[in-house]
Amino acid sequence: MNWIILLGSFFFALVGLLVFVLAYIIFDRLIPKLTITKILIEDKNMALGIVLAGVFIGLAMIISSAIK
């Protein structure tokens, strides 16, 4: 097994996760009136959960394309 390939894959996975978390933080800050965590957990708003899942999937596709 080639260790350089393994380390490269680990590095890009780590970069992808960091970009994903950073993008979520930016998304959360863009909507100051809406506290996403409160609405999802306390109010159990399923519609917001579905929209947020779509945002996450789209964001993951963009990040994976950028890393390739």
Protein backbone atom coordinates (compact mmCIF):
# COMPACT_ATOMS: atom_id res chain seq x y z
CA MET A 1 0.00 0.00 0.00
CA ASN A 2 1.26 3.41 -0.90
CA TRP A 3 1.34 5.68 2.17
CA ILE A 4 1.42 8.87 0.11
CA ILE A 5 -1.95 8.05 -1.45
CA LEU A 6 -3.41 7.23 1.97
CA LEU A 7 -2.11 10.46 3.50
CA GLY A 8 -3.36 12.47 0.52
CA SER A 9 -6.83 10.97 0.87
CA PHE A 10 -6.85 11.71 4.59
CA PHE A 11 -5.72 15.29 3.97
CA PHE A 12 -8.43 15.95 1.38
CA ALA A 13 -11.08 14.38 3.62
CA LEU A 14 -9.99 16.64 6.46
CA VAL A 15 -10.01 19.72 4.21
CA GLY A 16 -13.48 18.79 2.95
CA LEU A 17 -14.84 18.45 6.47
CA LEU A 18 -13.32 21.75 7.56
CA VAL A 19 -14.78 23.57 4.55
CA PHE A 20 -18.16 21.95 5.21
CA VAL A 21 -18.19 23.08 8.85
CA LEU A 22 -17.04 26.57 7.86
CA ALA A 23 -19.80 26.79 5.25
CA TYR A 24 -22.41 25.73 7.83
CA ILE A 25 -21.18 28.42 10.23
CA ILE A 26 -21.41 31.02 7.47
CA PHE A 27 -24.90 29.78 6.56
CA ASP A 28 -25.94 30.02 10.20
CA ARG A 29 -24.60 33.59 10.47
CA LEU A 30 -26.33 34.74 7.27
CA ILE A 31 -29.74 34.25 8.84
CA PRO A 32 -29.47 36.01 12.22
CA LYS A 33 -33.21 36.02 12.98
CA LEU A 34 -33.49 32.25 12.56
CA THR A 35 -31.90 30.10 15.25
CA ILE A 36 -31.66 26.83 13.37
CA THR A 37 -30.76 24.68 16.37
CA LYS A 38 -33.66 25.95 18.47
CA ILE A 39 -36.20 25.48 15.71
CA LEU A 40 -34.97 21.99 14.80
CA ILE A 41 -34.64 20.59 18.31
CA GLU A 42 -37.20 22.42 20.44
CA ASP A 43 -39.92 23.08 17.87
CA LYS A 44 -39.24 19.87 15.88
CA ASN A 45 -39.73 21.63 12.55
CA MET A 46 -39.40 18.88 9.96
CA ALA A 47 -39.66 21.26 6.99
CA LEU A 48 -36.56 23.17 8.11
CA GLY A 49 -34.77 19.85 8.59
CA ILE A 50 -35.54 18.81 5.03
CA VAL A 51 -34.40 22.17 3.65
CA LEU A 52 -31.21 21.99 5.72
CA ALA A 53 -30.57 18.44 4.46
CA GLY A 54 -30.86 19.71 0.88
CA VAL A 55 -28.40 22.50 1.66
CA PHE A 56 -25.97 20.00 3.17
CA ILE A 57 -26.20 17.64 0.20
CA GLY A 58 -25.69 20.47 -2.29
CA LEU A 59 -22.80 21.84 -0.27
CA ALA A 60 -21.18 18.42 -0.06
CA MET A 61 -21.44 18.01 -3.84
CA ILE A 62 -19.84 21.41 -4.43
CA ILE A 63 -17.00 20.73 -1.98
CA SER A 64 -16.31 17.28 -3.41
CA SER A 65 -16.17 18.71 -6.93
CA ALA A 66 -13.81 21.46 -5.81
CA ILE A 67 -11.46 18.99 -4.12
CA LYS A 68 -11.26 16.68 -7.15
